[in-house]
Protein backbone atom coordinates (compact mmCIF):
# COMPACT_ATOMS: atom_id res chain seq x y z
CA MET A 1 0.24 0.06 0.03
CA THR A 2 1.72 3.53 -0.96
CA GLN A 3 2.47 6.01 2.20
CA HIS A 4 0.54 8.98 1.92
CA ARG A 5 1.00 12.43 3.85
CA ALA A 6 -1.92 12.06 4.84
CA ASP A 7 -1.59 9.04 6.72
CA PHE A 8 -0.19 11.05 9.69
CA GLN A 9 -3.93 11.76 11.05
CA TYR A 10 -4.28 7.82 10.85
CA GLU A 11 -0.87 7.58 13.26
CA ILE A 12 -2.90 10.27 15.23
CA TYR A 13 -6.01 8.64 15.86
CA LEU A 14 -3.99 5.19 16.47
CA ASP A 15 -1.49 6.78 19.10
CA GLY A 16 -4.74 8.25 20.55
CA MET A 17 -5.91 4.66 22.00
CA THR A 18 -3.36 4.57 23.92
CA GLY A 19 -4.76 8.30 25.02
CA ALA A 20 -2.36 9.93 23.29
CA VAL A 21 -2.15 13.27 22.21
CA PRO A 22 0.28 15.72 19.73
CA ARG A 23 2.07 18.02 22.39
CA LEU A 24 1.06 20.63 19.84
CA PRO A 25 -1.81 21.74 18.00
CA THR A 26 -2.60 20.52 14.47
CA ASP A 27 -4.33 23.39 13.82
CA LEU A 28 -1.09 25.23 12.78
CA THR A 29 -2.69 28.78 13.41
CA ALA A 30 -3.09 28.25 17.19
CA LEU A 31 0.52 27.81 17.58
CA GLU A 32 1.44 31.40 17.58
CA GLU A 33 -1.10 31.81 20.81
CA MET A 34 0.55 28.75 22.40
CA ALA A 35 4.26 30.44 21.56
CA GLU A 36 3.18 34.06 23.15
CA ARG A 37 2.47 32.32 26.41
CA ARG A 38 5.42 30.06 27.00
CA LEU A 39 8.22 31.82 25.06
CA GLY A 40 9.64 35.28 26.25
CA PRO A 41 8.35 39.17 24.67
CA GLY A 42 10.93 39.80 23.62
CA PRO A 43 12.26 36.19 21.37
CA PHE A 44 8.37 36.04 20.43
CA GLY A 45 7.98 39.50 19.31
CA TYR A 46 10.74 39.34 17.09
CA VAL A 47 9.75 36.52 15.11
CA ALA A 48 5.84 37.58 15.63
CA GLY A 49 6.22 41.37 15.39
CA SER A 50 5.65 42.87 11.89
CA ALA A 51 6.16 46.43 9.98
CA GLY A 52 4.45 49.24 11.62
CA ASP A 53 0.88 48.77 12.22
CA GLY A 54 0.87 44.50 11.30
CA SER A 55 -1.74 45.89 8.32
CA THR A 56 0.59 43.94 5.78
CA ALA A 57 0.84 40.39 7.88
CA ARG A 58 -2.72 40.60 8.08
CA ALA A 59 -3.35 41.51 4.07
CA ASN A 60 -1.52 38.39 3.42
CA ARG A 61 -3.67 35.87 5.54
CA ALA A 62 -6.72 38.12 4.15
CA ALA A 63 -5.66 37.34 0.40
CA LEU A 64 -5.19 33.73 0.79
CA GLU A 65 -8.33 33.39 2.99
CA ARG A 66 -10.40 35.65 0.61
CA ARG A 67 -9.65 32.90 -1.97
CA ARG A 68 -11.75 29.46 -1.92
CA ILE A 69 -10.62 26.65 -3.11
CA VAL A 70 -13.80 24.61 -5.77
CA PRO A 71 -13.57 21.06 -5.04
CA ARG A 72 -14.04 18.60 -8.19
CA MET A 73 -15.83 15.26 -8.05
CA LEU A 74 -15.06 11.69 -9.09
CA ARG A 75 -11.47 12.07 -10.49
CA ASP A 76 -8.87 9.45 -9.58
CA VAL A 77 -6.35 10.37 -6.45
CA ALA A 78 -6.07 6.59 -4.98
CA GLU A 79 -2.60 7.27 -5.97
CA ARG A 80 -1.28 10.62 -5.28
CA ASP A 81 2.26 11.75 -5.98
CA LEU A 82 3.30 14.98 -4.49
CA SER A 83 6.53 15.73 -6.05
CA VAL A 84 7.80 18.67 -7.86
CA GLU A 85 10.43 19.55 -10.06
CA VAL A 86 11.63 23.19 -9.16
CA LEU A 87 15.28 24.46 -10.31
CA GLY A 88 16.79 21.08 -11.81
CA ARG A 89 15.51 19.45 -8.08
CA THR A 90 12.97 16.78 -7.53
CA LEU A 91 11.48 17.78 -4.28
CA SER A 92 9.66 15.75 -2.02
CA ALA A 93 6.74 18.01 -2.03
CA PRO A 94 6.22 21.74 -2.54
CA LEU A 95 7.47 23.17 0.46
CA ALA A 96 10.54 24.36 1.68
CA LEU A 97 11.58 25.79 4.98
CA ALA A 98 12.02 29.31 4.51
CA PRO A 99 15.12 30.88 5.89
CA VAL A 100 14.50 32.31 9.83
CA GLY A 101 17.46 33.74 11.63
CA VAL A 102 18.40 33.61 14.84
CA LEU A 103 16.94 30.67 15.60
CA SER A 104 18.93 30.45 18.89
CA ILE A 105 16.16 33.18 20.71
CA MET A 106 13.43 30.06 20.02
CA HIS A 107 15.02 27.36 21.29
CA PRO A 108 19.01 26.45 22.33
CA GLY A 109 18.26 23.55 19.53
CA ALA A 110 18.71 26.97 17.23
CA GLU A 111 18.99 26.36 13.29
CA PRO A 112 20.59 22.64 13.43
CA ALA A 113 17.60 21.46 15.06
CA ALA A 114 15.44 22.63 12.38
CA ALA A 115 17.55 21.53 9.54
CA ARG A 116 17.48 18.30 10.74
CA ALA A 117 13.89 18.20 11.24
CA ALA A 118 13.99 19.65 7.67
CA ALA A 119 16.22 16.16 6.51
CA ALA A 120 14.17 14.27 8.13
CA GLN A 121 10.76 14.98 6.50
CA GLY A 122 12.26 15.86 2.80
CA VAL A 123 11.71 19.10 2.49
CA PRO A 124 14.39 21.64 1.90
CA PHE A 125 15.88 23.81 4.63
CA VAL A 126 17.02 27.11 3.94
CA LEU A 127 19.83 28.16 5.90
CA SER A 128 19.66 31.98 6.91
CA SER A 129 23.05 34.33 6.71
CA ALA A 130 21.52 36.08 10.06
CA SER A 131 21.67 32.25 11.31
CA SER A 132 23.08 31.79 15.08
CA THR A 133 24.87 28.34 14.14
CA PRO A 134 28.02 28.57 11.67
CA MET A 135 26.71 27.54 8.27
CA GLU A 136 29.32 24.13 8.08
CA GLN A 137 27.29 23.09 11.81
CA VAL A 138 24.19 23.60 10.18
CA ALA A 139 25.19 21.66 6.82
CA GLU A 140 26.78 19.01 9.09
CA ALA A 141 23.58 18.48 10.88
CA MET A 142 21.70 17.71 7.66
CA GLY A 143 23.63 15.23 6.28
CA ASP A 144 23.41 14.93 2.61
CA ALA A 145 19.82 16.44 2.85
CA GLU A 146 18.95 19.39 0.75
CA ARG A 147 19.75 22.51 1.53
CA TRP A 148 19.95 26.51 -0.06
CA PHE A 149 21.81 29.39 0.86
CA GLN A 150 20.03 32.99 1.55
CA LEU A 151 22.09 35.90 1.18
CA TYR A 152 21.69 39.26 3.38
CA TRP A 153 24.08 41.37 0.49
CA SER A 154 27.12 42.54 2.42
CA LYS A 155 28.62 46.28 1.51
CA ASP A 156 31.84 44.54 1.60
CA ARG A 157 32.86 42.45 -1.71
CA GLU A 158 35.30 40.03 0.10
CA VAL A 159 32.71 38.94 2.51
CA THR A 160 30.27 38.37 -0.05
CA LEU A 161 32.21 36.19 -1.71
CA SER A 162 33.48 34.37 1.34
CA PHE A 163 29.72 33.74 1.51
CA LEU A 164 29.28 32.53 -1.39
CA LYS A 165 32.62 30.05 -1.56
CA ARG A 166 31.44 28.57 2.11
CA ALA A 167 27.69 27.87 1.01
CA ARG A 168 28.92 26.59 -1.99
CA ALA A 169 31.56 23.95 0.08
CA ALA A 170 28.63 23.24 2.68
CA GLY A 171 26.78 21.74 -0.17
CA CYS A 172 24.08 24.35 -0.37
CA SER A 173 22.71 24.27 -4.08
CA ILE A 174 20.34 27.29 -4.80
CA LEU A 175 21.39 30.76 -3.58
CA VAL A 176 18.36 33.13 -2.56
CA VAL A 177 19.12 36.51 -2.29
CA THR A 178 16.95 38.67 -0.12
CA LEU A 179 16.14 41.99 -1.72
CA ASP A 180 13.82 43.08 0.16
CA THR A 181 15.82 43.85 3.73
CA PRO A 182 18.41 46.91 2.68
CA LEU A 183 17.13 48.56 5.61
CA LEU A 184 15.33 47.27 8.65
CA ALA A 185 12.15 48.71 8.61
CA TRP A 186 10.23 50.00 11.80
CA ARG A 187 9.19 46.95 14.00
CA PRO A 188 7.08 48.40 17.26
CA ARG A 189 6.76 45.24 18.49
CA ASP A 190 10.48 44.83 18.88
CA LEU A 191 10.92 48.70 19.26
CA ASP A 192 8.43 48.90 21.99
CA GLN A 193 11.33 45.94 24.12
CA ALA A 194 14.39 47.61 22.38
CA TYR A 195 15.14 44.08 21.19
CA LEU A 196 17.36 43.41 18.05
CA PRO A 197 19.32 40.09 19.19
CA PHE A 198 22.12 41.29 16.62
CA LEU A 199 23.46 43.99 18.91
CA ARG A 200 23.91 41.21 21.51
CA GLY A 201 25.70 39.03 19.17
CA VAL A 202 22.96 36.61 18.22
CA GLY A 203 22.57 35.94 14.40
CA THR A 204 26.08 36.53 14.01
CA ALA A 205 27.78 33.29 13.92
CA ASN A 206 28.31 33.12 10.33
CA HIS A 207 29.96 36.74 10.11
CA PHE A 208 32.11 36.20 13.34
CA THR A 209 33.44 32.85 11.82
CA ASP A 210 34.38 34.17 7.93
CA PRO A 211 38.11 34.76 7.58
CA ALA A 212 37.36 38.17 4.93
CA PHE A 213 34.82 39.57 8.35
CA LEU A 214 37.43 38.79 10.73
CA ALA A 215 40.14 40.40 8.43
CA GLY A 216 38.87 43.93 9.11
CA LEU A 217 38.84 43.43 12.67
CA GLU A 218 42.00 44.51 15.27
CA LYS A 219 40.57 41.79 17.54
CA SER A 220 38.38 38.39 17.70
CA PRO A 221 34.85 38.76 17.94
CA GLN A 222 35.78 37.21 21.58
CA ASP A 223 38.40 39.65 22.62
CA ASP A 224 36.31 43.07 21.26
CA PRO A 225 32.64 42.22 21.35
CA ASN A 226 31.56 45.45 20.20
CA ALA A 227 33.63 45.99 17.39
CA ALA A 228 32.57 42.70 15.82
CA VAL A 229 28.94 43.80 16.56
CA LEU A 230 29.32 47.46 14.77
CA ARG A 231 31.17 45.80 11.78
CA PHE A 232 28.66 43.91 11.68
CA VAL A 233 26.12 46.29 11.78
CA SER A 234 28.32 48.46 9.57
CA LEU A 235 28.05 45.54 6.26
CA PHE A 236 24.95 43.81 6.97
CA SER A 237 23.27 45.34 4.16
CA ASP A 238 23.51 47.26 1.68
CA PRO A 239 20.68 50.21 0.14
CA GLY A 240 23.23 51.12 -2.59
CA LYS A 241 22.78 47.63 -4.65
CA THR A 242 20.60 48.00 -8.41
CA TRP A 243 19.84 45.84 -10.45
CA PRO A 244 23.44 45.90 -12.69
CA ASP A 245 24.75 44.31 -9.59
CA LEU A 246 23.36 41.12 -9.76
CA ALA A 247 26.08 40.49 -12.76
CA PHE A 248 28.38 40.40 -9.47
CA LEU A 249 26.47 37.47 -8.13
CA ARG A 250 25.83 35.85 -11.53
CA GLU A 251 29.67 35.41 -11.54
CA ASN A 252 30.23 33.76 -8.47
CA TRP A 253 27.48 31.53 -8.56
CA ALA A 254 27.54 28.66 -10.69
CA GLY A 255 24.36 27.13 -9.08
CA PRO A 256 20.53 28.64 -9.86
CA ILE A 257 19.96 32.00 -8.06
CA VAL A 258 16.55 33.26 -6.63
CA LEU A 259 15.87 36.77 -5.49
CA LYS A 260 13.19 37.00 -2.88
CA GLY A 261 10.96 39.83 -2.18
CA VAL A 262 9.77 40.21 -5.34
CA LEU A 263 6.16 41.48 -5.65
CA HIS A 264 5.97 43.98 -9.00
CA PRO A 265 6.16 42.67 -12.06
CA ASP A 266 8.10 44.14 -14.05
CA ASP A 267 10.73 43.36 -10.85
CA ALA A 268 10.54 39.68 -12.47
CA ARG A 269 11.41 40.59 -16.25
CA LEU A 270 14.50 42.83 -14.47
CA ALA A 271 15.56 39.12 -12.95
CA ALA A 272 14.87 36.81 -15.97
CA ASP A 273 17.04 39.77 -18.13
CA ALA A 274 19.31 39.48 -15.00
CA GLY A 275 19.92 36.02 -15.76
CA MET A 276 18.19 35.00 -12.41
CA ASP A 277 16.67 31.39 -12.49
CA GLY A 278 13.97 31.87 -10.07
CA VAL A 279 11.93 34.82 -7.64
CA VAL A 280 10.22 34.38 -4.58
CA VAL A 281 6.71 36.53 -4.67
CA SER A 282 7.11 37.33 -0.76
CA ASN A 283 6.95 40.74 1.33
CA HIS A 284 8.79 39.07 4.23
CA GLY A 285 5.53 38.38 5.93
CA GLY A 286 4.74 41.84 6.51
CA ARG A 287 7.87 42.67 8.23
CA GLN A 288 9.43 44.94 5.96
CA VAL A 289 6.69 47.83 4.01
CA ALA A 290 3.40 48.26 6.26
CA GLY A 291 0.44 48.99 3.86
CA ALA A 292 2.64 46.97 1.29
CA VAL A 293 0.60 44.16 -1.28
CA ALA A 294 -0.52 41.17 -0.11
CA ALA A 295 1.74 38.60 -1.67
CA ALA A 296 -1.08 36.23 -2.38
CA ASP A 297 -2.65 39.09 -4.15
CA ALA A 298 1.14 40.01 -6.19
CA LEU A 299 1.68 36.45 -6.61
CA PRO A 300 -1.35 35.69 -10.20
CA ARG A 301 0.63 39.32 -12.02
CA VAL A 302 4.51 37.81 -11.33
CA ALA A 303 3.94 34.64 -12.80
CA ALA A 304 2.35 36.15 -15.70
CA ALA A 305 4.96 38.38 -16.34
CA ALA A 306 7.80 35.13 -14.96
CA GLY A 307 6.33 33.08 -18.08
CA ASP A 308 8.56 30.20 -18.62
CA ARG A 309 11.71 32.34 -17.80
CA LEU A 310 11.87 31.89 -14.36
CA THR A 311 10.95 29.21 -11.60
CA VAL A 312 8.38 31.40 -9.32
CA LEU A 313 8.00 30.29 -5.34
CA PHE A 314 5.72 31.76 -2.86
CA ASP A 315 6.11 32.51 0.96
CA SER A 316 3.87 35.68 3.42
CA GLY A 317 1.22 34.46 5.54
CA VAL A 318 1.19 30.27 4.67
CA ARG A 319 -0.30 28.72 7.69
CA THR A 320 -1.77 25.87 6.22
CA GLY A 321 -2.26 22.98 3.38
CA ALA A 322 -4.88 24.77 2.33
CA ASP A 323 -2.17 27.97 1.53
CA VAL A 324 0.08 25.49 -0.16
CA PHE A 325 -2.58 24.59 -2.57
CA LYS A 326 -4.06 27.79 -3.10
CA ALA A 327 -0.34 29.52 -3.34
CA LEU A 328 0.03 26.81 -6.11
CA ALA A 329 -3.38 27.64 -7.71
CA LEU A 330 -2.21 31.01 -8.42
CA GLY A 331 0.83 30.31 -10.15
CA ALA A 332 3.92 29.17 -7.45
CA ARG A 333 5.79 25.98 -8.60
CA ALA A 334 6.43 25.40 -4.54
CA VAL A 335 5.93 27.36 -1.17
CA LEU A 336 8.34 28.90 1.85
CA VAL A 337 6.77 28.17 5.66
CA GLY A 338 8.58 30.57 8.08
CA ARG A 339 6.84 31.59 11.37
CA PRO A 340 4.82 28.14 12.06
CA TYR A 341 8.01 26.05 11.78
CA ALA A 342 10.02 29.26 14.33
CA TYR A 343 7.02 28.36 16.65
CA GLY A 344 7.20 24.91 16.20
CA LEU A 345 11.07 24.92 17.22
CA GLY A 346 10.22 27.13 20.16
CA LEU A 347 7.77 25.24 21.61
CA ASP A 348 9.10 21.44 21.13
CA GLY A 349 12.58 21.83 19.67
CA GLN A 350 13.57 19.08 16.29
CA PRO A 351 10.06 17.67 17.11
CA GLY A 352 8.10 20.52 17.26
CA VAL A 353 9.34 21.49 13.51
CA GLU A 354 8.42 17.91 12.52
CA HIS A 355 4.90 18.24 13.66
CA VAL A 356 4.76 21.08 11.41
CA ILE A 357 6.08 19.87 8.63
CA ARG A 358 4.28 16.76 8.85
CA CYS A 359 0.65 18.57 9.85
CA LEU A 360 1.38 20.80 6.66
CA LEU A 361 1.72 18.58 4.21
CA ALA A 362 -0.59 15.85 5.90
CA GLU A 363 -3.46 18.59 5.12
CA PHE A 364 -1.89 19.76 1.82
CA ASP A 365 -2.52 15.89 0.13
CA LEU A 366 -5.96 15.99 2.07
CA THR A 367 -6.78 19.22 0.38
CA LEU A 368 -5.37 18.28 -3.18
CA ALA A 369 -7.40 14.51 -3.22
CA LEU A 370 -10.19 16.25 -1.86
CA SER A 371 -10.29 19.07 -4.82
CA GLY A 372 -9.53 16.66 -7.32
CA HIS A 373 -5.92 16.28 -7.88
CA ALA A 374 -3.61 13.72 -7.60
CA ARG A 375 -0.32 15.76 -8.19
CA PRO A 376 0.53 19.77 -7.35
CA GLY A 377 1.13 20.19 -11.41
CA THR A 378 -2.50 20.18 -12.27
CA VAL A 379 -3.32 22.82 -9.67
CA GLY A 380 -4.21 25.87 -11.49
CA ALA A 381 -6.37 29.33 -11.68
CA GLY A 382 -9.84 26.98 -12.31
CA ASP A 383 -9.53 25.30 -8.47
CA LEU A 384 -9.98 28.98 -7.01
CA VAL A 385 -12.69 31.62 -7.01
CA GLU A 386 -12.33 35.24 -5.09
CA ASP A 387 -15.04 36.07 -2.52
CA PRO A 388 -16.22 39.42 -3.37
CA VAL A 389 -14.76 41.94 -1.31
């Protein structure tokens, strides 16, 4: 009998025969409230917080909820295959764990725990430039599992080159370049707590272990942490970068390059013209521009502009398996999920992250089948209607 991701529900029901119930909610939208109760206000607020009044994060959810699935009947969905082709790789499902920095503020297991969970569940893990753990240690935790590297593009060309070299050596197959954070947004939740982990030397592990970064310091980060933090802050991102600068990355990264943070169709066209391989339609989970367009509202136009020139991925607002289905119907090839797995990590370490992945994919598998599809590739715009506003 074929194993399906949906079988996770029967595992839960069978465990229930012994009186056991899941340690975490299976409705992943409930994780945020549980995390707020159990985690400190600084760490929780850093993950949960958004730009300004939070309107963009709310719009992300509303845009997904506004789209309604139209199930089709009497289609053979007995055998299902969730696998998808993404940038020359076969993924077991259209899901990856998004780059989330400073995970040590959520759980001491930090990035290696989340990476092991991704590897165990057969989904890619995107290592953040701003991780609490050096990329080499995160890669080691994953064995030979699929991993990508997310770059915050430094002002220092030598640091950027060193990061690219290290990421390649660490087995990262795809470069994900975050474009939407040349400056840190106005985030009241963090400001009200006066909480920025980087100033405490958290989320700086890749920099503080990098030879090009260390070459610019008179003393080691251990001997003079303040100087190291100040250098990190001064180099972390560069608001002066423009489209022609992408040629530098294209020359120095041999594999696929994906630009994260694209919301306008013209930017997708510019990405293709610059020789990029894909884009992530994303508004950084509502963390960068208050009042910005919802990512799901931007997705169809970006996908249309990308055509067959770019692979289109999606994040921002994904909380359920139904959300994954909707993102595919709106034009994405695969989806990145962020906050839910960060909450899962904070609440239960590696098992918590695995729980989030298994719930998402079980619900997606069921949504796919109950909507009349046996594989992700057949999902399209005709599977959705939009509620009138």
